[in-house]
Protein backbone atom coordinates (compact mmCIF):
# COMPACT_ATOMS: atom_id res chain seq x y z
CA MET A 1 -75.57 -19.60 -43.52
CA THR A 2 -77.90 -21.35 -45.90
CA GLU A 3 -78.22 -25.09 -46.24
CA GLU A 4 -76.59 -24.94 -49.68
CA GLU A 5 -73.58 -22.99 -48.37
CA ARG A 6 -73.19 -25.43 -45.50
CA THR A 7 -73.30 -28.39 -47.89
CA VAL A 8 -70.68 -26.85 -50.19
CA LEU A 9 -68.36 -26.07 -47.27
CA GLU A 10 -68.85 -29.57 -45.90
CA GLN A 11 -67.91 -31.11 -49.26
CA GLN A 12 -64.84 -28.91 -49.55
CA LEU A 13 -63.77 -29.78 -46.03
CA ASN A 14 -64.19 -33.49 -46.74
CA GLU A 15 -61.98 -33.09 -49.82
CA LEU A 16 -59.31 -31.45 -47.67
CA LEU A 17 -59.50 -34.18 -45.08
CA THR A 18 -59.02 -36.93 -47.67
CA ARG A 19 -55.80 -35.35 -48.96
CA SER A 20 -52.57 -36.18 -47.22
CA GLU A 21 -51.09 -32.71 -47.71
CA TRP A 22 -52.54 -29.24 -47.80
CA THR A 23 -51.42 -26.70 -50.37
CA ALA A 24 -51.27 -22.92 -50.36
CA ALA A 25 -54.48 -22.94 -52.41
CA ASP A 26 -56.27 -24.52 -49.43
CA THR A 27 -55.55 -21.53 -47.18
CA PRO A 28 -58.53 -19.40 -48.34
CA LEU A 29 -60.92 -22.30 -47.73
CA ILE A 30 -59.55 -22.86 -44.24
CA GLU A 31 -59.80 -19.13 -43.49
CA GLN A 32 -63.39 -19.11 -44.78
CA LEU A 33 -64.26 -22.10 -42.61
CA LEU A 34 -62.77 -20.42 -39.55
CA HIS A 35 -64.64 -17.19 -40.29
CA THR A 36 -67.89 -19.12 -40.72
CA LEU A 37 -67.30 -20.93 -37.46
CA GLN A 38 -66.76 -17.62 -35.65
CA THR A 39 -69.90 -16.13 -37.20
CA VAL A 40 -72.06 -19.11 -36.33
CA SER A 41 -70.69 -19.24 -32.80
CA ALA A 42 -71.47 -15.56 -32.26
CA GLU A 43 -74.97 -16.02 -33.66
CA ASN A 44 -75.49 -19.03 -31.41
CA LYS A 45 -74.46 -16.98 -28.37
CA ARG A 46 -76.86 -14.17 -29.31
CA LEU A 47 -79.71 -16.63 -29.82
CA ARG A 48 -79.06 -18.31 -26.47
CA THR A 49 -79.09 -14.94 -24.72
CA ALA A 50 -82.33 -13.95 -26.44
CA LEU A 51 -83.91 -17.29 -25.52
CA LEU A 52 -82.89 -16.94 -21.88
CA LYS A 53 -84.36 -13.43 -21.76
CA ALA A 54 -87.60 -14.61 -23.39
CA ASN A 55 -87.92 -17.52 -20.97
CA ALA A 56 -87.21 -15.29 -17.97
CA GLN A 57 -90.21 -13.11 -18.80
CA GLN A 58 -92.66 -16.02 -18.87
CA PRO A 59 -94.46 -17.12 -15.71
CA LYS A 60 -92.84 -20.05 -13.96
CA MET A 61 -96.02 -21.75 -12.74
CA SER A 62 -98.37 -23.70 -14.93
CA SER A 63 -101.77 -22.13 -15.45
CA ARG A 64 -103.51 -24.98 -13.58
CA LEU A 65 -101.31 -24.54 -10.53
CA ARG A 66 -101.69 -20.77 -10.60
CA ASP A 67 -105.49 -21.06 -10.86
CA ALA A 68 -105.59 -23.56 -7.98
CA LEU A 69 -103.54 -21.27 -5.76
CA TYR A 70 -105.76 -18.27 -6.47
CA GLU A 71 -108.97 -20.17 -5.54
């Protein structure tokens, strides 16, 4: 999701929240927001998994400590 898309959705959501009643015309926007939320959540989960895998492959000790232990 681009910054522009996020801004537009945020403005539309704020418009919905200021209204006292929702109409049938609001349904597509709500569905789009829910779909976007699901997509972003799935992407977040994939990124977290990738980050954990990347961090697991790196050495745990600092280079100074490792060098001192090998001396």
